């Protein structure tokens, strides 16, 4: 999906940040912000809140900083962090969808054990599923 559309990779901080992300919005390019910390720049709030609007002429626009930008529906926005267990403020959590891709050794062991039990002893797997359903 994004490989053909030339993913734009940015970081918070450079002086051209808003200009670069504005270009991605206008051109419908997917944009990835890397190494996000627990505090997120409020300048991107219109993106997080999806505040695109239609003008009188029917053009879709978004206000970013002090400029109104033409908004292309092909624009996608992603953020990643290297922090193992980030704690974002509630104001940030309601604006985004958080996905935790952290994989632990214990979690992999549990998944593998569940797969082995399912293949070797399907009766025990069925009994476990019934217990889970009855508890719910």
N, C-alpha and C. Protein backbone atom coordinates (compact mmCIF):
# COMPACT_ATOMS: atom_id res chain seq x y z
N UNK A 1 0.83 -1.19 0.00
CA UNK A 1 0.00 0.00 0.00
C UNK A 1 0.87 1.24 0.00
N UNK A 2 1.64 1.48 1.04
CA UNK A 2 2.39 2.72 1.16
C UNK A 2 3.70 2.69 0.39
N UNK A 3 4.17 1.51 0.00
CA UNK A 3 5.42 1.44 -0.73
C UNK A 3 5.29 2.14 -2.08
N UNK A 4 4.17 1.91 -2.75
CA UNK A 4 3.95 2.54 -4.05
C UNK A 4 3.69 4.03 -3.93
N UNK A 5 3.25 4.48 -2.77
CA UNK A 5 2.89 5.88 -2.58
C UNK A 5 4.02 6.69 -1.95
N UNK A 6 5.20 6.12 -1.79
CA UNK A 6 6.37 6.82 -1.27
C UNK A 6 6.11 7.38 0.13
N UNK A 7 6.16 6.51 1.11
CA UNK A 7 5.96 6.88 2.50
C UNK A 7 6.92 7.98 2.91
N UNK A 8 6.39 9.04 3.48
CA UNK A 8 7.20 10.15 3.97
C UNK A 8 7.50 9.90 5.44
N UNK A 9 8.78 9.80 5.80
CA UNK A 9 9.20 9.51 7.17
C UNK A 9 9.76 10.78 7.78
N UNK A 10 9.16 11.22 8.90
CA UNK A 10 9.56 12.47 9.56
C UNK A 10 9.80 12.23 11.04
N UNK A 11 10.41 13.22 11.67
CA UNK A 11 10.55 13.26 13.12
C UNK A 11 10.13 14.65 13.59
N UNK A 12 9.63 14.72 14.82
CA UNK A 12 9.30 16.02 15.39
C UNK A 12 10.60 16.81 15.58
N UNK A 13 10.53 18.11 15.39
CA UNK A 13 11.68 18.94 15.71
C UNK A 13 12.26 19.75 14.58
N UNK A 14 12.52 19.17 13.40
CA UNK A 14 13.14 19.97 12.35
C UNK A 14 12.28 21.18 11.99
N UNK A 15 12.90 22.28 11.59
CA UNK A 15 12.13 23.49 11.28
C UNK A 15 11.20 23.33 10.08
N UNK A 16 11.45 22.35 9.22
CA UNK A 16 10.61 22.15 8.04
C UNK A 16 9.50 21.12 8.29
N UNK A 17 9.30 20.71 9.53
CA UNK A 17 8.35 19.65 9.86
C UNK A 17 6.94 19.95 9.34
N UNK A 18 6.39 21.11 9.69
CA UNK A 18 5.02 21.44 9.28
C UNK A 18 4.91 21.59 7.77
N UNK A 19 5.93 22.13 7.14
CA UNK A 19 5.91 22.27 5.69
C UNK A 19 5.92 20.90 5.01
N UNK A 20 6.74 19.97 5.54
CA UNK A 20 6.82 18.64 4.96
C UNK A 20 5.50 17.87 5.12
N UNK A 21 4.93 17.95 6.31
CA UNK A 21 3.67 17.24 6.54
C UNK A 21 2.53 17.89 5.75
N UNK A 22 2.61 19.20 5.57
CA UNK A 22 1.62 19.90 4.73
C UNK A 22 1.68 19.42 3.29
N UNK A 23 2.89 19.18 2.79
CA UNK A 23 3.04 18.65 1.43
C UNK A 23 2.44 17.27 1.31
N UNK A 24 2.59 16.45 2.35
CA UNK A 24 1.99 15.10 2.34
C UNK A 24 0.47 15.19 2.33
N UNK A 25 -0.08 16.14 3.06
CA UNK A 25 -1.54 16.33 3.10
C UNK A 25 -2.05 16.75 1.72
N UNK A 26 -1.36 17.70 1.09
CA UNK A 26 -1.78 18.19 -0.23
C UNK A 26 -1.66 17.13 -1.31
N UNK A 27 -0.59 16.32 -1.24
CA UNK A 27 -0.31 15.35 -2.30
C UNK A 27 -0.88 13.96 -2.02
N UNK A 28 -1.49 13.74 -0.86
CA UNK A 28 -2.08 12.45 -0.54
C UNK A 28 -1.06 11.37 -0.28
N UNK A 29 0.09 11.74 0.28
CA UNK A 29 1.13 10.76 0.60
C UNK A 29 0.97 10.27 2.03
N UNK A 30 1.23 9.00 2.27
CA UNK A 30 1.22 8.50 3.65
C UNK A 30 2.42 9.08 4.40
N UNK A 31 2.24 9.35 5.69
CA UNK A 31 3.27 10.01 6.49
C UNK A 31 3.46 9.24 7.79
N UNK A 32 4.73 8.99 8.14
CA UNK A 32 5.09 8.30 9.37
C UNK A 32 5.95 9.21 10.22
N UNK A 33 5.54 9.43 11.46
CA UNK A 33 6.35 10.19 12.41
C UNK A 33 7.05 9.16 13.29
N UNK A 34 8.38 9.17 13.29
CA UNK A 34 9.17 8.21 14.06
C UNK A 34 9.55 8.77 15.42
N UNK A 35 9.86 7.87 16.33
CA UNK A 35 10.43 8.19 17.65
C UNK A 35 9.59 9.21 18.42
N UNK A 36 8.29 9.01 18.46
CA UNK A 36 7.40 9.90 19.18
C UNK A 36 7.59 9.68 20.68
N UNK A 37 7.69 10.76 21.41
CA UNK A 37 7.81 10.70 22.87
C UNK A 37 6.41 10.78 23.47
N UNK A 38 6.33 10.87 24.78
CA UNK A 38 5.03 10.90 25.46
C UNK A 38 4.30 12.22 25.26
N UNK A 39 5.02 13.28 24.95
CA UNK A 39 4.40 14.57 24.66
C UNK A 39 4.36 14.75 23.15
N UNK A 40 3.16 14.98 22.60
CA UNK A 40 2.99 15.12 21.16
C UNK A 40 2.73 16.58 20.84
N UNK A 41 3.39 17.07 19.80
CA UNK A 41 3.28 18.46 19.37
C UNK A 41 1.82 18.80 19.06
N UNK A 42 1.27 19.81 19.73
CA UNK A 42 -0.15 20.15 19.49
C UNK A 42 -0.39 20.71 18.10
N UNK A 43 0.64 21.01 17.34
CA UNK A 43 0.46 21.53 15.98
C UNK A 43 -0.20 20.50 15.07
N UNK A 44 -0.09 19.22 15.41
CA UNK A 44 -0.69 18.19 14.55
C UNK A 44 -2.09 17.78 15.01
N UNK A 45 -2.64 18.48 15.98
CA UNK A 45 -3.99 18.16 16.46
C UNK A 45 -5.04 18.12 15.35
N UNK A 46 -5.02 19.04 14.37
CA UNK A 46 -6.02 18.94 13.29
C UNK A 46 -5.93 17.61 12.53
N UNK A 47 -4.71 17.05 12.43
CA UNK A 47 -4.55 15.76 11.75
C UNK A 47 -5.11 14.65 12.62
N UNK A 48 -4.76 14.68 13.91
CA UNK A 48 -5.23 13.63 14.82
C UNK A 48 -6.76 13.65 14.96
N UNK A 49 -7.34 14.83 14.92
CA UNK A 49 -8.79 14.96 15.07
C UNK A 49 -9.52 14.88 13.73
N UNK A 50 -8.76 14.70 12.65
CA UNK A 50 -9.33 14.61 11.30
C UNK A 50 -10.23 15.79 10.99
N UNK A 51 -9.70 16.99 11.19
CA UNK A 51 -10.49 18.20 11.02
C UNK A 51 -10.45 18.72 9.59
N UNK A 52 -10.71 17.87 8.64
CA UNK A 52 -10.82 18.30 7.25
C UNK A 52 -12.24 18.82 7.05
N UNK A 53 -12.37 19.85 6.25
CA UNK A 53 -13.68 20.44 5.99
C UNK A 53 -13.78 20.81 4.51
N UNK A 54 -15.00 20.97 4.05
CA UNK A 54 -15.22 21.36 2.66
C UNK A 54 -15.46 22.86 2.60
N UNK A 55 -14.84 23.48 1.60
CA UNK A 55 -15.03 24.92 1.39
C UNK A 55 -16.29 25.14 0.57
N UNK A 56 -16.61 26.41 0.34
CA UNK A 56 -17.79 26.74 -0.45
C UNK A 56 -17.68 26.19 -1.87
N UNK A 57 -16.45 26.10 -2.37
CA UNK A 57 -16.22 25.59 -3.71
C UNK A 57 -16.20 24.07 -3.79
N UNK A 58 -16.38 23.39 -2.66
CA UNK A 58 -16.40 21.94 -2.64
C UNK A 58 -15.03 21.30 -2.44
N UNK A 59 -13.99 22.13 -2.28
CA UNK A 59 -12.65 21.61 -2.05
C UNK A 59 -12.51 21.19 -0.59
N UNK A 60 -11.84 20.08 -0.36
CA UNK A 60 -11.58 19.62 1.00
C UNK A 60 -10.29 20.26 1.48
N UNK A 61 -10.32 20.87 2.67
CA UNK A 61 -9.15 21.54 3.22
C UNK A 61 -8.97 21.20 4.68
N UNK A 62 -7.77 21.49 5.17
CA UNK A 62 -7.44 21.32 6.58
C UNK A 62 -6.57 22.50 7.00
N UNK A 63 -6.84 23.03 8.17
CA UNK A 63 -6.02 24.13 8.69
C UNK A 63 -4.90 23.52 9.53
N UNK A 64 -3.66 23.76 9.12
CA UNK A 64 -2.49 23.26 9.82
C UNK A 64 -1.58 24.45 10.10
N UNK A 65 -1.39 24.75 11.37
CA UNK A 65 -0.62 25.94 11.73
C UNK A 65 -1.42 27.16 11.34
N UNK A 66 -0.82 28.04 10.54
CA UNK A 66 -1.52 29.25 10.11
C UNK A 66 -1.92 29.19 8.64
N UNK A 67 -1.92 27.99 8.06
CA UNK A 67 -2.23 27.86 6.64
C UNK A 67 -3.39 26.89 6.42
N UNK A 68 -4.20 27.20 5.41
CA UNK A 68 -5.25 26.28 4.96
C UNK A 68 -4.67 25.48 3.81
N UNK A 69 -4.69 24.16 3.96
CA UNK A 69 -4.11 23.27 2.95
C UNK A 69 -5.20 22.47 2.27
N UNK A 70 -5.05 22.28 0.95
CA UNK A 70 -5.95 21.36 0.24
C UNK A 70 -5.69 19.98 0.78
N UNK A 71 -6.74 19.22 1.06
CA UNK A 71 -6.63 17.91 1.68
C UNK A 71 -6.93 16.83 0.66
N UNK A 72 -5.99 15.91 0.48
CA UNK A 72 -6.18 14.78 -0.42
C UNK A 72 -6.57 13.57 0.43
N UNK A 73 -7.61 12.85 0.01
CA UNK A 73 -8.09 11.70 0.78
C UNK A 73 -7.09 10.55 0.83
N UNK A 74 -6.06 10.59 0.00
CA UNK A 74 -5.04 9.55 0.03
C UNK A 74 -4.06 9.71 1.18
N UNK A 75 -4.14 10.82 1.90
CA UNK A 75 -3.25 11.07 3.04
C UNK A 75 -3.55 10.10 4.17
N UNK A 76 -2.51 9.44 4.66
CA UNK A 76 -2.60 8.54 5.82
C UNK A 76 -1.54 8.98 6.81
N UNK A 77 -1.81 8.82 8.10
CA UNK A 77 -0.91 9.31 9.12
C UNK A 77 -0.64 8.23 10.15
N UNK A 78 0.64 7.98 10.42
CA UNK A 78 1.06 6.97 11.38
C UNK A 78 2.13 7.57 12.30
N UNK A 79 2.17 7.08 13.53
CA UNK A 79 3.23 7.48 14.47
C UNK A 79 3.77 6.22 15.14
N UNK A 80 5.08 6.20 15.37
CA UNK A 80 5.70 5.07 16.08
C UNK A 80 6.58 5.61 17.19
N UNK A 81 6.83 4.76 18.17
CA UNK A 81 7.72 5.10 19.27
C UNK A 81 8.62 3.92 19.56
N UNK A 82 9.78 4.21 20.09
CA UNK A 82 10.69 3.15 20.51
C UNK A 82 10.54 2.86 22.00
N UNK A 83 9.68 3.64 22.66
CA UNK A 83 9.48 3.47 24.09
C UNK A 83 8.77 2.15 24.35
N UNK A 84 9.27 1.33 25.30
CA UNK A 84 8.66 0.02 25.53
C UNK A 84 7.27 0.09 26.15
N UNK A 85 7.00 1.07 26.98
CA UNK A 85 5.70 1.16 27.63
C UNK A 85 5.32 2.63 27.81
N UNK A 86 4.94 3.30 26.72
CA UNK A 86 4.65 4.73 26.83
C UNK A 86 3.33 4.99 27.57
N UNK A 87 3.28 6.11 28.25
CA UNK A 87 2.07 6.53 28.96
C UNK A 87 1.65 7.88 28.39
N UNK A 88 0.67 7.84 27.50
CA UNK A 88 0.19 9.07 26.88
C UNK A 88 -0.94 9.66 27.71
N UNK A 89 -1.06 10.97 27.64
CA UNK A 89 -2.13 11.67 28.35
C UNK A 89 -3.48 11.24 27.77
N UNK A 90 -4.53 11.30 28.58
CA UNK A 90 -5.86 10.94 28.07
C UNK A 90 -6.27 11.77 26.85
N UNK A 91 -5.82 13.03 26.80
CA UNK A 91 -6.16 13.90 25.66
C UNK A 91 -5.59 13.34 24.36
N UNK A 92 -4.46 12.66 24.44
CA UNK A 92 -3.85 12.05 23.26
C UNK A 92 -4.55 10.74 22.95
N UNK A 93 -4.85 9.95 23.94
CA UNK A 93 -5.45 8.63 23.74
C UNK A 93 -6.80 8.70 23.05
N UNK A 94 -7.57 9.77 23.28
CA UNK A 94 -8.87 9.86 22.64
C UNK A 94 -8.77 10.30 21.18
N UNK A 95 -7.60 10.79 20.78
CA UNK A 95 -7.42 11.26 19.41
C UNK A 95 -6.83 10.20 18.49
N UNK A 96 -6.24 9.15 19.04
CA UNK A 96 -5.52 8.17 18.23
C UNK A 96 -5.96 6.76 18.57
N UNK A 97 -5.56 5.82 17.72
CA UNK A 97 -5.73 4.40 18.01
C UNK A 97 -4.36 3.86 18.36
N UNK A 98 -4.21 3.35 19.58
CA UNK A 98 -2.94 2.81 20.03
C UNK A 98 -2.90 1.31 19.77
N UNK A 99 -1.80 0.86 19.17
CA UNK A 99 -1.60 -0.57 18.93
C UNK A 99 -0.25 -0.93 19.52
N UNK A 100 -0.23 -1.94 20.38
CA UNK A 100 1.01 -2.38 21.02
C UNK A 100 1.50 -3.63 20.30
N UNK A 101 2.63 -3.50 19.60
CA UNK A 101 3.20 -4.62 18.86
C UNK A 101 4.32 -5.30 19.64
N UNK A 102 4.40 -5.03 20.93
CA UNK A 102 5.46 -5.61 21.74
C UNK A 102 5.25 -7.11 21.88
N UNK A 103 6.30 -7.87 21.64
CA UNK A 103 6.24 -9.32 21.77
C UNK A 103 7.19 -9.72 22.89
N UNK A 104 6.67 -10.50 23.85
CA UNK A 104 7.52 -10.98 24.94
C UNK A 104 7.75 -12.47 24.78
N UNK A 105 8.81 -12.95 25.37
CA UNK A 105 9.14 -14.37 25.30
C UNK A 105 8.04 -15.20 25.94
N UNK A 106 7.52 -14.74 27.09
CA UNK A 106 6.47 -15.48 27.79
C UNK A 106 5.20 -15.54 26.94
N UNK A 107 4.87 -14.44 26.27
CA UNK A 107 3.69 -14.43 25.42
C UNK A 107 3.82 -15.40 24.26
N UNK A 108 5.01 -15.47 23.66
CA UNK A 108 5.23 -16.42 22.58
C UNK A 108 5.13 -17.86 23.07
N UNK A 109 5.66 -18.11 24.30
CA UNK A 109 5.57 -19.46 24.87
C UNK A 109 4.11 -19.88 25.06
N UNK A 110 3.29 -18.95 25.57
CA UNK A 110 1.88 -19.25 25.79
C UNK A 110 1.16 -19.54 24.48
N UNK A 111 1.46 -18.76 23.44
CA UNK A 111 0.85 -19.00 22.14
C UNK A 111 1.25 -20.35 21.57
N UNK A 112 2.53 -20.68 21.69
CA UNK A 112 3.02 -21.95 21.18
C UNK A 112 2.40 -23.12 21.95
N UNK A 113 2.33 -22.99 23.27
CA UNK A 113 1.71 -24.03 24.09
C UNK A 113 0.25 -24.23 23.70
N UNK A 114 -0.47 -23.13 23.48
CA UNK A 114 -1.86 -23.22 23.07
C UNK A 114 -2.01 -23.92 21.73
N UNK A 115 -1.10 -23.65 20.79
CA UNK A 115 -1.16 -24.32 19.48
C UNK A 115 -0.86 -25.80 19.60
N UNK A 116 0.13 -26.16 20.43
CA UNK A 116 0.50 -27.57 20.60
C UNK A 116 -0.66 -28.33 21.26
N UNK A 117 -1.24 -27.75 22.31
CA UNK A 117 -2.37 -28.40 22.98
C UNK A 117 -3.53 -28.57 22.01
N UNK A 118 -3.77 -27.55 21.18
CA UNK A 118 -4.86 -27.63 20.21
C UNK A 118 -4.66 -28.75 19.20
N UNK A 119 -3.42 -28.99 18.80
CA UNK A 119 -3.13 -30.05 17.82
C UNK A 119 -3.09 -31.43 18.47
N UNK A 120 -2.41 -31.53 19.62
CA UNK A 120 -2.20 -32.82 20.26
C UNK A 120 -3.41 -33.30 21.05
N UNK A 121 -4.04 -32.40 21.79
CA UNK A 121 -5.16 -32.78 22.66
C UNK A 121 -6.33 -31.84 22.41
N UNK A 122 -7.02 -32.05 21.34
CA UNK A 122 -8.14 -31.17 20.98
C UNK A 122 -9.25 -31.22 22.02
N UNK A 123 -9.35 -32.36 22.76
CA UNK A 123 -10.39 -32.45 23.79
C UNK A 123 -10.12 -31.47 24.93
N UNK A 124 -8.85 -31.31 25.31
CA UNK A 124 -8.50 -30.35 26.36
C UNK A 124 -8.73 -28.92 25.87
N UNK A 125 -8.39 -28.67 24.62
CA UNK A 125 -8.62 -27.34 24.03
C UNK A 125 -10.11 -27.00 24.03
N UNK A 126 -10.94 -27.99 23.67
CA UNK A 126 -12.39 -27.78 23.67
C UNK A 126 -12.90 -27.50 25.08
N UNK A 127 -12.37 -28.23 26.07
CA UNK A 127 -12.77 -28.03 27.46
C UNK A 127 -12.37 -26.63 27.93
N UNK A 128 -11.18 -26.18 27.54
CA UNK A 128 -10.72 -24.82 27.91
C UNK A 128 -11.65 -23.77 27.32
N UNK A 129 -12.03 -23.95 26.05
CA UNK A 129 -12.93 -23.00 25.39
C UNK A 129 -14.29 -22.95 26.09
N UNK A 130 -14.80 -24.11 26.50
CA UNK A 130 -16.07 -24.15 27.21
C UNK A 130 -15.99 -23.43 28.55
N UNK A 131 -14.87 -23.59 29.25
CA UNK A 131 -14.69 -22.90 30.54
C UNK A 131 -14.65 -21.38 30.33
N UNK A 132 -13.95 -20.95 29.30
CA UNK A 132 -13.86 -19.51 29.01
C UNK A 132 -15.24 -18.95 28.69
N UNK A 133 -16.02 -19.68 27.89
CA UNK A 133 -17.37 -19.22 27.53
C UNK A 133 -18.25 -19.18 28.78
N UNK A 134 -18.15 -20.17 29.65
CA UNK A 134 -19.00 -20.19 30.83
C UNK A 134 -18.62 -19.07 31.80
N UNK A 135 -17.34 -18.70 31.85
CA UNK A 135 -16.92 -17.61 32.72
C UNK A 135 -17.40 -16.26 32.19
N UNK A 136 -17.49 -16.14 30.88
CA UNK A 136 -17.93 -14.87 30.28
C UNK A 136 -19.43 -14.73 30.43
